[in-house]
Amino acid sequence: MYIITDKCLKCGTCAPGCGMTAGCDGHTCYIQCGAHGCHVGAIIESISQYIITENCTDCGECAKVCPNGAIIPGITAIPAI
């Protein structure tokens, strides 16, 4: 899952760029669903920055549109052999 780092300036570019958050600017999700989760969107506004929810599909579109380079791939667990 992608993560949004502290480079986030809350410009709002990432949420409309997300296919899972289509039609939502992230701020609307924050108002309607609260900062701790959204049943629709994968990117929502938090107090200090945007956050990516468990609805993320790892498509990377948000990282492509972020003008600040604030969105990076998260560390995934390496399966035990």
N, C-alpha and C. Protein backbone atom coordinates (compact mmCIF):
# COMPACT_ATOMS: atom_id res chain seq x y z
N MET A 1 0.83 -1.18 0.00
CA MET A 1 0.00 0.00 0.00
C MET A 1 0.88 1.24 0.00
N TYR A 2 0.50 2.23 -0.75
CA TYR A 2 1.23 3.49 -0.78
C TYR A 2 0.99 4.26 0.52
N ILE A 3 1.95 5.10 0.87
CA ILE A 3 1.81 5.94 2.05
C ILE A 3 2.10 7.39 1.67
N ILE A 4 1.52 8.30 2.42
CA ILE A 4 1.75 9.72 2.21
C ILE A 4 2.68 10.20 3.33
N THR A 5 3.81 10.74 2.95
CA THR A 5 4.82 11.16 3.92
C THR A 5 4.55 12.58 4.42
N ASP A 6 5.42 13.04 5.30
CA ASP A 6 5.26 14.39 5.84
C ASP A 6 5.60 15.49 4.84
N LYS A 7 5.94 15.11 3.61
CA LYS A 7 6.13 16.09 2.54
C LYS A 7 4.78 16.62 2.03
N CYS A 8 3.69 15.98 2.47
CA CYS A 8 2.35 16.37 2.04
C CYS A 8 2.04 17.79 2.49
N LEU A 9 1.62 18.62 1.53
CA LEU A 9 1.25 20.00 1.82
C LEU A 9 -0.26 20.22 1.75
N LYS A 10 -1.01 19.13 1.67
CA LYS A 10 -2.47 19.18 1.56
C LYS A 10 -2.92 19.99 0.35
N CYS A 11 -2.25 19.81 -0.79
CA CYS A 11 -2.64 20.54 -2.00
C CYS A 11 -3.92 19.97 -2.60
N GLY A 12 -4.23 18.69 -2.30
CA GLY A 12 -5.46 18.08 -2.79
C GLY A 12 -5.38 17.45 -4.15
N THR A 13 -4.19 17.35 -4.73
CA THR A 13 -4.05 16.78 -6.06
C THR A 13 -4.23 15.27 -6.06
N CYS A 14 -3.85 14.61 -5.02
CA CYS A 14 -3.85 13.14 -4.99
C CYS A 14 -5.23 12.51 -4.99
N ALA A 15 -6.16 13.05 -4.22
CA ALA A 15 -7.47 12.41 -4.10
C ALA A 15 -8.22 12.32 -5.43
N PRO A 16 -8.32 13.41 -6.21
CA PRO A 16 -8.99 13.27 -7.50
C PRO A 16 -8.21 12.39 -8.48
N GLY A 17 -6.92 12.20 -8.27
CA GLY A 17 -6.11 11.35 -9.13
C GLY A 17 -6.29 9.87 -8.85
N CYS A 18 -6.91 9.55 -7.74
CA CYS A 18 -7.11 8.16 -7.31
C CYS A 18 -8.38 7.59 -7.93
N GLY A 19 -8.25 6.44 -8.60
CA GLY A 19 -9.40 5.78 -9.20
C GLY A 19 -10.42 5.29 -8.19
N MET A 20 -9.96 4.94 -6.99
CA MET A 20 -10.86 4.48 -5.94
C MET A 20 -11.61 5.64 -5.30
N THR A 21 -11.10 6.84 -5.47
CA THR A 21 -11.70 8.01 -4.85
C THR A 21 -12.37 8.87 -5.92
N ALA A 22 -12.74 8.26 -7.00
CA ALA A 22 -13.34 9.01 -8.12
C ALA A 22 -14.54 9.84 -7.66
N GLY A 23 -14.54 11.10 -8.04
CA GLY A 23 -15.63 11.98 -7.67
C GLY A 23 -15.52 12.56 -6.28
N CYS A 24 -14.43 12.29 -5.58
CA CYS A 24 -14.25 12.80 -4.22
C CYS A 24 -12.92 13.53 -4.14
N ASP A 25 -12.94 14.63 -3.45
CA ASP A 25 -11.72 15.41 -3.31
C ASP A 25 -10.96 15.11 -2.02
N GLY A 26 -11.37 14.11 -1.29
CA GLY A 26 -10.73 13.77 -0.02
C GLY A 26 -11.28 14.59 1.13
N HIS A 27 -11.52 15.86 0.90
CA HIS A 27 -12.08 16.71 1.94
C HIS A 27 -13.52 16.31 2.23
N THR A 28 -14.27 16.01 1.17
CA THR A 28 -15.65 15.57 1.33
C THR A 28 -15.71 14.29 2.15
N CYS A 29 -14.79 13.37 1.89
CA CYS A 29 -14.73 12.13 2.67
C CYS A 29 -14.45 12.43 4.14
N TYR A 30 -13.57 13.38 4.38
CA TYR A 30 -13.23 13.77 5.75
C TYR A 30 -14.47 14.29 6.48
N ILE A 31 -15.25 15.10 5.81
CA ILE A 31 -16.46 15.66 6.42
C ILE A 31 -17.53 14.58 6.61
N GLN A 32 -17.71 13.73 5.61
CA GLN A 32 -18.78 12.73 5.67
C GLN A 32 -18.41 11.50 6.47
N CYS A 33 -17.16 11.04 6.37
CA CYS A 33 -16.79 9.76 6.97
C CYS A 33 -15.91 9.89 8.20
N GLY A 34 -15.26 11.03 8.37
CA GLY A 34 -14.34 11.19 9.48
C GLY A 34 -12.92 10.86 9.06
N ALA A 35 -11.97 11.28 9.85
CA ALA A 35 -10.56 11.15 9.49
C ALA A 35 -10.01 9.74 9.67
N HIS A 36 -10.75 8.83 10.24
CA HIS A 36 -10.19 7.51 10.53
C HIS A 36 -10.59 6.44 9.54
N GLY A 37 -11.32 6.80 8.51
CA GLY A 37 -11.67 5.80 7.52
C GLY A 37 -12.77 6.26 6.61
N CYS A 38 -12.81 5.68 5.45
CA CYS A 38 -13.83 6.03 4.47
C CYS A 38 -14.27 4.75 3.79
N HIS A 39 -15.56 4.56 3.68
CA HIS A 39 -16.06 3.33 3.07
C HIS A 39 -15.98 3.38 1.55
N VAL A 40 -15.69 4.54 0.98
CA VAL A 40 -15.63 4.69 -0.47
C VAL A 40 -14.22 5.01 -0.94
N GLY A 41 -13.66 6.09 -0.46
CA GLY A 41 -12.39 6.60 -0.97
C GLY A 41 -11.16 5.93 -0.40
N ALA A 42 -10.09 5.98 -1.16
CA ALA A 42 -8.81 5.45 -0.70
C ALA A 42 -7.92 6.55 -0.16
N ILE A 43 -8.24 7.82 -0.43
CA ILE A 43 -7.45 8.94 0.07
C ILE A 43 -8.40 9.93 0.71
N ILE A 44 -8.14 10.24 1.99
CA ILE A 44 -8.97 11.21 2.68
C ILE A 44 -8.11 12.26 3.36
N GLU A 45 -8.71 13.38 3.64
CA GLU A 45 -8.01 14.46 4.31
C GLU A 45 -7.94 14.19 5.81
N SER A 46 -6.79 14.45 6.38
CA SER A 46 -6.61 14.36 7.82
C SER A 46 -6.31 15.78 8.32
N ILE A 47 -6.00 15.93 9.57
CA ILE A 47 -5.76 17.26 10.12
C ILE A 47 -4.55 17.93 9.47
N SER A 48 -3.43 17.22 9.38
CA SER A 48 -2.21 17.84 8.88
C SER A 48 -1.82 17.45 7.46
N GLN A 49 -2.40 16.37 6.94
CA GLN A 49 -2.08 15.92 5.59
C GLN A 49 -3.15 14.96 5.12
N TYR A 50 -3.05 14.53 3.88
CA TYR A 50 -3.95 13.49 3.38
C TYR A 50 -3.41 12.13 3.81
N ILE A 51 -4.28 11.15 3.93
CA ILE A 51 -3.87 9.79 4.29
C ILE A 51 -4.49 8.80 3.32
N ILE A 52 -3.83 7.66 3.17
CA ILE A 52 -4.34 6.60 2.29
C ILE A 52 -4.97 5.53 3.17
N THR A 53 -6.18 5.13 2.84
CA THR A 53 -6.91 4.16 3.65
C THR A 53 -6.67 2.73 3.14
N GLU A 54 -7.28 1.81 3.82
CA GLU A 54 -7.17 0.39 3.45
C GLU A 54 -7.83 0.09 2.12
N ASN A 55 -8.54 1.05 1.53
CA ASN A 55 -9.15 0.86 0.21
C ASN A 55 -8.15 1.00 -0.93
N CYS A 56 -6.91 1.33 -0.63
CA CYS A 56 -5.87 1.49 -1.64
C CYS A 56 -5.66 0.19 -2.41
N THR A 57 -5.57 0.29 -3.74
CA THR A 57 -5.34 -0.90 -4.57
C THR A 57 -3.92 -0.97 -5.12
N ASP A 58 -3.04 -0.08 -4.64
CA ASP A 58 -1.64 -0.04 -5.07
C ASP A 58 -1.45 0.25 -6.56
N CYS A 59 -2.34 1.02 -7.15
CA CYS A 59 -2.21 1.33 -8.57
C CYS A 59 -1.12 2.38 -8.82
N GLY A 60 -0.84 3.24 -7.82
CA GLY A 60 0.22 4.23 -7.93
C GLY A 60 -0.15 5.52 -8.62
N GLU A 61 -1.42 5.67 -9.01
CA GLU A 61 -1.84 6.90 -9.69
C GLU A 61 -1.66 8.13 -8.81
N CYS A 62 -1.88 7.98 -7.52
CA CYS A 62 -1.73 9.12 -6.61
C CYS A 62 -0.29 9.61 -6.59
N ALA A 63 0.65 8.68 -6.59
CA ALA A 63 2.07 9.04 -6.58
C ALA A 63 2.46 9.76 -7.87
N LYS A 64 1.86 9.35 -8.96
CA LYS A 64 2.17 9.97 -10.25
C LYS A 64 1.73 11.43 -10.32
N VAL A 65 0.61 11.77 -9.66
CA VAL A 65 0.09 13.13 -9.75
C VAL A 65 0.56 14.04 -8.62
N CYS A 66 1.17 13.50 -7.59
CA CYS A 66 1.62 14.32 -6.45
C CYS A 66 2.78 15.22 -6.87
N PRO A 67 2.59 16.55 -6.80
CA PRO A 67 3.65 17.46 -7.23
C PRO A 67 4.81 17.58 -6.24
N ASN A 68 4.65 17.04 -5.05
CA ASN A 68 5.67 17.18 -4.00
C ASN A 68 6.46 15.90 -3.75
N GLY A 69 6.13 14.82 -4.44
CA GLY A 69 6.81 13.55 -4.20
C GLY A 69 6.54 13.00 -2.82
N ALA A 70 5.37 13.32 -2.28
CA ALA A 70 5.03 12.92 -0.91
C ALA A 70 4.47 11.51 -0.80
N ILE A 71 4.13 10.90 -1.92
CA ILE A 71 3.52 9.58 -1.88
C ILE A 71 4.50 8.54 -2.40
N ILE A 72 4.75 7.54 -1.55
CA ILE A 72 5.73 6.51 -1.88
C ILE A 72 5.14 5.13 -1.60
N PRO A 73 5.68 4.10 -2.25
CA PRO A 73 5.23 2.74 -1.94
C PRO A 73 5.58 2.40 -0.50
N GLY A 74 4.65 1.78 0.20
CA GLY A 74 4.90 1.35 1.57
C GLY A 74 5.74 0.08 1.57
N ILE A 75 6.27 -0.23 2.71
CA ILE A 75 7.07 -1.45 2.85
C ILE A 75 6.10 -2.62 3.02
N THR A 76 6.28 -3.63 2.20
CA THR A 76 5.45 -4.81 2.32
C THR A 76 6.25 -5.91 3.00
N ALA A 77 5.55 -6.73 3.71
CA ALA A 77 6.19 -7.83 4.44
C ALA A 77 6.76 -8.85 3.45
N ILE A 78 7.91 -9.37 3.76
CA ILE A 78 8.53 -10.42 2.95
C ILE A 78 8.04 -11.76 3.51
N PRO A 79 7.44 -12.57 2.65
CA PRO A 79 6.92 -13.84 3.16
C PRO A 79 8.02 -14.76 3.69
N ALA A 80 7.73 -15.46 4.74
CA ALA A 80 8.68 -16.42 5.30
C ALA A 80 8.83 -17.61 4.37
N ILE A 81 10.05 -18.11 4.29
CA ILE A 81 10.30 -19.26 3.40
C ILE A 81 10.38 -20.51 4.21
